[in-house]
Amino acid sequence: MTGMLQTRPRVALLVTCLVDLYRPNVGFSAIKLLEDAGCQVEVPPTQTCCGQPAYNSGDRAGARDMARAVVEAFLPYDYTVVPSGSCGGMVSHHYPGLFADDPQLRAKADALAAKTHELVSFLTDVMGVERVSARLDGVATYHDSCSGLRELGVKAQPRRLLAGVKGLTLKEMRDPEVCCGFGGTFCVKYPGISTKMVSEKVRDVAATGADTLLAGDMGCLMNMAGRLQRENVPVKVRHVAEVLAGRTGDAPAIGEAASERSDA
């Protein structure tokens, strides 16, 4: 990797619930990418859920309690980095409003929001990473997750780094910016609409002829992986960090059993 900062920033990794519970390989991939970029990486042990599910469901008191714990755990670091646009957007865009009636906590939330970044945008926009040392033979297509795209402006950054992955061809699907239907609690509240949306997304993915689907949010990835399997579309699903870190051989594709692995 190449970067532009001359000092080693102290970076805290906000792992996220879905990565912690379902896809630890994404967390390890994020650490590798950050360390390769010259960061001193730490994983605060007291971190909790960012509070987004509670926030989206209208439980502002619960979201506020979880947000306060995250603010206290992550504020001491130079940067907070998140391998998820939705969780990153929660911290950087919605935390300050949760503490509008408490000037002291609002100031802390503002400070944390200002130094919180989605993983790939942090690598490119802050650390100046121009390329990675990774290889994946095949054709991939990329889905733009809603929060990362619309709240954090993550669009060109992952494509820029994926273009340097040896052996990989990136083929765009039709409407990569259209929601996959996950939407956090949306898929629970409106399952019929959600299923129709993800089915349309699966058709777009299949039409590219790609063998791998990539994105930067675990919720979207799990949602799309599940539908691809139900519709018997043989496309592997991975978090973009796993590819950029060269760690696709360390875990089966999302939703795939270990015995089904063929790319290790």
Protein backbone atom coordinates (compact mmCIF):
# COMPACT_ATOMS: atom_id res chain seq x y z
CA MET A 1 0.00 0.00 0.00
CA THR A 2 0.98 3.59 -0.44
CA GLY A 3 -0.21 6.44 1.77
CA MET A 4 0.37 10.13 2.38
CA LEU A 5 0.44 10.47 6.19
CA GLN A 6 3.88 10.44 7.79
CA THR A 7 2.80 9.57 11.35
CA ARG A 8 0.97 6.52 12.66
CA PRO A 9 -2.54 7.57 13.67
CA ARG A 10 -4.15 5.73 16.55
CA VAL A 11 -7.25 4.16 15.05
CA ALA A 12 -10.11 2.48 16.89
CA LEU A 13 -12.02 -0.18 14.99
CA LEU A 14 -15.76 -0.22 15.58
CA VAL A 15 -16.30 -3.86 14.69
CA THR A 16 -20.15 -3.75 14.38
CA CYS A 17 -22.54 -6.38 15.67
CA LEU A 18 -22.95 -8.32 12.43
CA VAL A 19 -19.20 -8.57 11.84
CA ASP A 20 -18.64 -9.66 15.43
CA LEU A 21 -21.40 -12.27 15.41
CA TYR A 22 -21.41 -13.53 11.82
CA ARG A 23 -18.28 -12.47 9.96
CA PRO A 24 -15.16 -11.97 12.10
CA ASN A 25 -13.02 -12.30 8.96
CA VAL A 26 -14.20 -8.81 7.97
CA GLY A 27 -12.84 -7.43 11.22
CA PHE A 28 -9.49 -9.13 10.76
CA SER A 29 -9.40 -7.92 7.16
CA ALA A 30 -10.06 -4.36 8.31
CA ILE A 31 -7.23 -4.56 10.83
CA LYS A 32 -4.83 -5.82 8.16
CA LEU A 33 -5.78 -3.05 5.75
CA LEU A 34 -5.42 -0.37 8.40
CA GLU A 35 -2.07 -1.68 9.65
CA ASP A 36 -0.77 -1.97 6.08
CA ALA A 37 -1.77 1.67 5.62
CA GLY A 38 0.41 2.66 8.57
CA CYS A 39 -2.16 2.86 11.38
CA GLN A 40 -1.85 1.76 14.97
CA VAL A 41 -5.08 -0.21 15.36
CA GLU A 42 -6.93 -0.93 18.57
CA VAL A 43 -10.29 -2.60 19.22
CA PRO A 44 -11.87 -1.01 22.32
CA PRO A 45 -13.08 -3.94 24.43
CA THR A 46 -16.02 -2.04 25.95
CA GLN A 47 -17.65 -1.24 22.61
CA THR A 48 -21.29 -2.13 22.18
CA CYS A 49 -23.87 -1.91 19.39
CA CYS A 50 -23.90 1.55 17.84
CA GLY A 51 -27.63 1.74 18.60
CA GLN A 52 -28.85 1.91 15.02
CA PRO A 53 -31.56 -0.83 15.30
CA ALA A 54 -33.05 0.89 18.34
CA TYR A 55 -32.81 4.30 16.65
CA ASN A 56 -34.54 3.06 13.50
CA SER A 57 -37.30 1.48 15.58
CA GLY A 58 -38.05 4.68 17.48
CA ASP A 59 -36.37 3.69 20.75
CA ARG A 60 -34.40 6.91 21.15
CA ALA A 61 -33.75 6.31 24.86
CA GLY A 62 -32.17 2.91 24.17
CA ALA A 63 -30.20 4.28 21.23
CA ARG A 64 -28.96 7.14 23.38
CA ASP A 65 -27.71 4.77 26.08
CA MET A 66 -25.79 2.69 23.54
CA ALA A 67 -24.46 5.79 21.80
CA ARG A 68 -23.16 7.19 25.08
CA ALA A 69 -21.16 3.99 25.68
CA VAL A 70 -19.67 4.16 22.17
CA VAL A 71 -18.78 7.83 22.53
CA GLU A 72 -16.93 7.24 25.79
CA ALA A 73 -15.07 4.21 24.41
CA PHE A 74 -13.98 5.74 21.09
CA LEU A 75 -13.48 9.45 21.77
CA PRO A 76 -9.83 9.11 22.96
CA TYR A 77 -8.60 7.88 19.56
CA ASP A 78 -7.42 9.86 16.56
CA TYR A 79 -9.98 8.19 14.32
CA THR A 80 -12.83 5.70 14.52
CA VAL A 81 -13.10 3.43 11.50
CA VAL A 82 -16.09 1.22 10.69
CA PRO A 83 -16.35 -1.56 8.05
CA SER A 84 -19.98 -0.55 7.53
CA GLY A 85 -21.52 2.51 5.95
CA SER A 86 -24.71 2.19 7.99
CA CYS A 87 -22.98 2.04 11.39
CA GLY A 88 -20.51 4.72 10.28
CA GLY A 89 -23.42 6.89 9.22
CA MET A 90 -25.13 6.35 12.56
CA VAL A 91 -22.11 7.61 14.49
CA SER A 92 -21.18 10.47 12.17
CA HIS A 93 -24.64 11.72 11.23
CA HIS A 94 -27.11 10.76 13.96
CA TYR A 95 -25.21 10.67 17.25
CA PRO A 96 -25.09 14.46 17.74
CA GLY A 97 -28.86 14.76 17.50
CA LEU A 98 -29.35 12.16 20.21
CA PHE A 99 -27.72 14.52 22.70
CA ALA A 100 -29.28 17.80 21.59
CA ASP A 101 -30.47 18.48 25.15
CA ASP A 102 -27.10 17.81 26.81
CA PRO A 103 -24.40 20.29 25.72
CA GLN A 104 -21.54 18.29 27.23
CA LEU A 105 -22.49 15.00 25.59
CA ARG A 106 -23.39 16.82 22.36
CA ALA A 107 -19.87 18.25 22.21
CA LYS A 108 -18.39 14.78 22.66
CA ALA A 109 -20.70 13.29 20.02
CA ASP A 110 -19.78 16.09 17.61
CA ALA A 111 -16.09 15.43 18.18
CA LEU A 112 -16.48 11.69 17.58
CA ALA A 113 -18.67 12.23 14.52
CA ALA A 114 -16.03 14.45 12.95
CA LYS A 115 -13.37 11.73 13.12
CA THR A 116 -15.47 8.66 12.24
CA HIS A 117 -15.05 7.12 8.79
CA GLU A 118 -16.17 4.14 6.77
CA LEU A 119 -13.23 1.77 6.23
CA VAL A 120 -12.56 2.07 2.49
CA SER A 121 -13.13 5.81 2.36
CA PHE A 122 -10.75 6.21 5.29
CA LEU A 123 -8.07 4.23 3.49
CA THR A 124 -8.35 6.27 0.30
CA ASP A 125 -9.45 9.72 1.44
CA VAL A 126 -7.56 10.03 4.73
CA MET A 127 -4.61 7.66 4.49
CA GLY A 128 -4.06 8.20 0.77
CA VAL A 129 -3.99 4.51 -0.11
CA GLU A 130 -3.76 4.08 -3.87
CA ARG A 131 -3.46 0.32 -4.24
CA VAL A 132 -3.49 -2.91 -2.27
CA SER A 133 -1.49 -6.12 -2.54
CA ALA A 134 -4.23 -8.63 -3.19
CA ARG A 135 -5.34 -11.11 -5.80
CA LEU A 136 -8.69 -12.66 -6.69
CA ASP A 137 -9.14 -14.35 -10.03
CA GLY A 138 -12.60 -13.80 -11.44
CA VAL A 139 -15.32 -11.27 -12.20
CA ALA A 140 -16.99 -9.24 -9.47
CA THR A 141 -19.86 -6.78 -9.33
CA TYR A 142 -20.31 -4.16 -6.61
CA HIS A 143 -23.47 -3.12 -4.75
CA ASP A 144 -23.59 0.39 -3.29
CA SER A 145 -25.15 0.18 0.15
CA CYS A 146 -27.59 2.98 0.88
CA SER A 147 -26.09 4.56 4.00
CA GLY A 148 -22.51 4.39 2.78
CA LEU A 149 -23.47 5.94 -0.53
CA ARG A 150 -25.97 8.57 0.55
CA GLU A 151 -24.71 9.55 3.99
CA LEU A 152 -20.96 9.06 3.59
CA GLY A 153 -20.33 9.43 -0.15
CA VAL A 154 -18.78 5.99 -0.58
CA LYS A 155 -18.91 5.24 -4.30
CA ALA A 156 -15.64 5.63 -6.18
CA GLN A 157 -13.34 4.60 -3.33
CA PRO A 158 -13.98 0.81 -3.30
CA ARG A 159 -13.94 0.68 -7.08
CA ARG A 160 -10.63 2.52 -7.16
CA LEU A 161 -8.96 -0.03 -4.89
CA LEU A 162 -10.65 -3.04 -6.49
CA ALA A 163 -9.24 -1.95 -9.85
CA GLY A 164 -5.78 -2.76 -8.47
CA VAL A 165 -6.63 -6.29 -7.27
CA LYS A 166 -4.72 -8.69 -9.49
CA GLY A 167 -6.82 -11.09 -11.54
CA LEU A 168 -10.08 -9.30 -10.78
CA THR A 169 -12.39 -7.77 -13.36
CA LEU A 170 -15.12 -5.46 -12.07
CA LYS A 171 -18.37 -5.48 -14.04
CA GLU A 172 -21.10 -3.04 -13.07
CA MET A 173 -24.65 -4.26 -12.63
CA ARG A 174 -27.65 -2.25 -13.71
CA ASP A 175 -28.65 0.19 -10.97
CA PRO A 176 -25.94 -0.64 -8.40
CA GLU A 177 -27.21 2.24 -6.25
CA VAL A 178 -30.72 0.80 -5.80
CA CYS A 179 -31.45 -0.57 -2.31
CA CYS A 180 -31.27 -4.34 -1.87
CA GLY A 181 -34.31 -4.30 0.41
CA PHE A 182 -32.51 -4.91 3.71
CA GLY A 183 -32.74 -1.46 5.27
CA GLY A 184 -32.11 -2.67 8.81
CA THR A 185 -35.53 -3.10 10.41
CA PHE A 186 -37.25 -2.35 7.07
CA CYS A 187 -36.95 -5.99 5.97
CA VAL A 188 -38.71 -7.06 9.18
CA LYS A 189 -41.48 -4.47 9.00
CA TYR A 190 -42.14 -4.83 5.28
CA PRO A 191 -41.04 -8.35 4.29
CA GLY A 192 -43.07 -8.47 1.08
CA ILE A 193 -41.60 -5.26 -0.30
CA SER A 194 -38.13 -6.25 0.89
CA THR A 195 -38.30 -9.64 -0.84
CA LYS A 196 -39.35 -8.04 -4.12
CA MET A 197 -36.49 -5.55 -3.91
CA VAL A 198 -33.83 -8.16 -3.17
CA SER A 199 -35.18 -10.44 -5.90
CA GLU A 200 -34.78 -7.62 -8.41
CA LYS A 201 -31.26 -7.05 -7.11
CA VAL A 202 -30.45 -10.73 -7.56
CA ARG A 203 -31.60 -10.57 -11.17
CA ASP A 204 -29.32 -7.60 -11.78
CA VAL A 205 -26.40 -9.43 -10.19
CA ALA A 206 -26.99 -12.58 -12.22
CA ALA A 207 -27.25 -10.58 -15.45
CA THR A 208 -23.66 -9.37 -15.09
CA GLY A 209 -22.26 -12.90 -15.28
CA ALA A 210 -20.06 -12.12 -12.28
CA ASP A 211 -18.99 -14.93 -9.99
CA THR A 212 -18.62 -12.68 -6.92
CA LEU A 213 -20.84 -9.99 -5.40
CA LEU A 214 -19.15 -7.38 -3.20
CA ALA A 215 -20.42 -4.64 -0.90
CA GLY A 216 -19.37 -2.81 2.24
CA ASP A 217 -22.25 -3.57 4.61
CA MET A 218 -22.87 -6.94 6.23
CA GLY A 219 -26.63 -6.45 6.44
CA CYS A 220 -26.90 -5.97 2.69
CA LEU A 221 -24.49 -8.82 2.02
CA MET A 222 -26.37 -11.31 4.21
CA ASN A 223 -29.68 -10.26 2.68
CA MET A 224 -28.43 -10.68 -0.89
CA ALA A 225 -26.56 -13.90 -0.13
CA GLY A 226 -29.70 -15.45 1.29
CA ARG A 227 -31.76 -14.55 -1.76
CA LEU A 228 -29.09 -15.70 -4.19
CA GLN A 229 -29.08 -19.09 -2.51
CA ARG A 230 -32.89 -19.34 -2.47
CA GLU A 231 -33.00 -18.59 -6.19
CA ASN A 232 -30.07 -20.97 -6.89
CA VAL A 233 -27.86 -18.28 -8.39
CA PRO A 234 -24.22 -19.47 -8.05
CA VAL A 235 -22.59 -16.18 -7.04
CA LYS A 236 -20.23 -15.89 -4.07
CA VAL A 237 -20.84 -13.00 -1.69
CA ARG A 238 -18.07 -11.22 0.19
CA HIS A 239 -17.35 -8.01 2.04
CA VAL A 240 -15.07 -5.79 -0.01
CA ALA A 241 -12.54 -5.67 2.85
CA GLU A 242 -11.93 -9.41 2.56
CA VAL A 243 -10.94 -9.04 -1.08
CA LEU A 244 -8.80 -5.94 -0.57
CA ALA A 245 -6.98 -7.59 2.33
CA GLY A 246 -6.36 -10.80 0.38
CA ARG A 247 -8.26 -12.85 2.97
CA THR A 248 -10.81 -14.64 0.79
CA GLY A 249 -9.10 -17.94 1.59
CA ASP A 250 -9.61 -17.48 5.32
CA ALA A 251 -13.38 -17.96 5.36
CA PRO A 252 -16.09 -19.39 3.11
CA ALA A 253 -18.21 -16.95 1.16
CA ILE A 254 -21.08 -15.39 3.12
CA GLY A 255 -23.86 -17.93 3.56
CA GLU A 256 -21.67 -20.75 2.32
CA ALA A 257 -20.74 -23.78 4.42
CA ALA A 258 -17.04 -24.48 4.92
CA SER A 259 -17.36 -27.71 2.92
CA GLU A 260 -18.56 -25.73 -0.11
CA ARG A 261 -15.45 -23.59 -0.43
CA SER A 262 -13.77 -23.60 -3.80
CA ASP A 263 -11.68 -20.40 -3.81
CA ALA A 264 -9.29 -21.08 -0.93
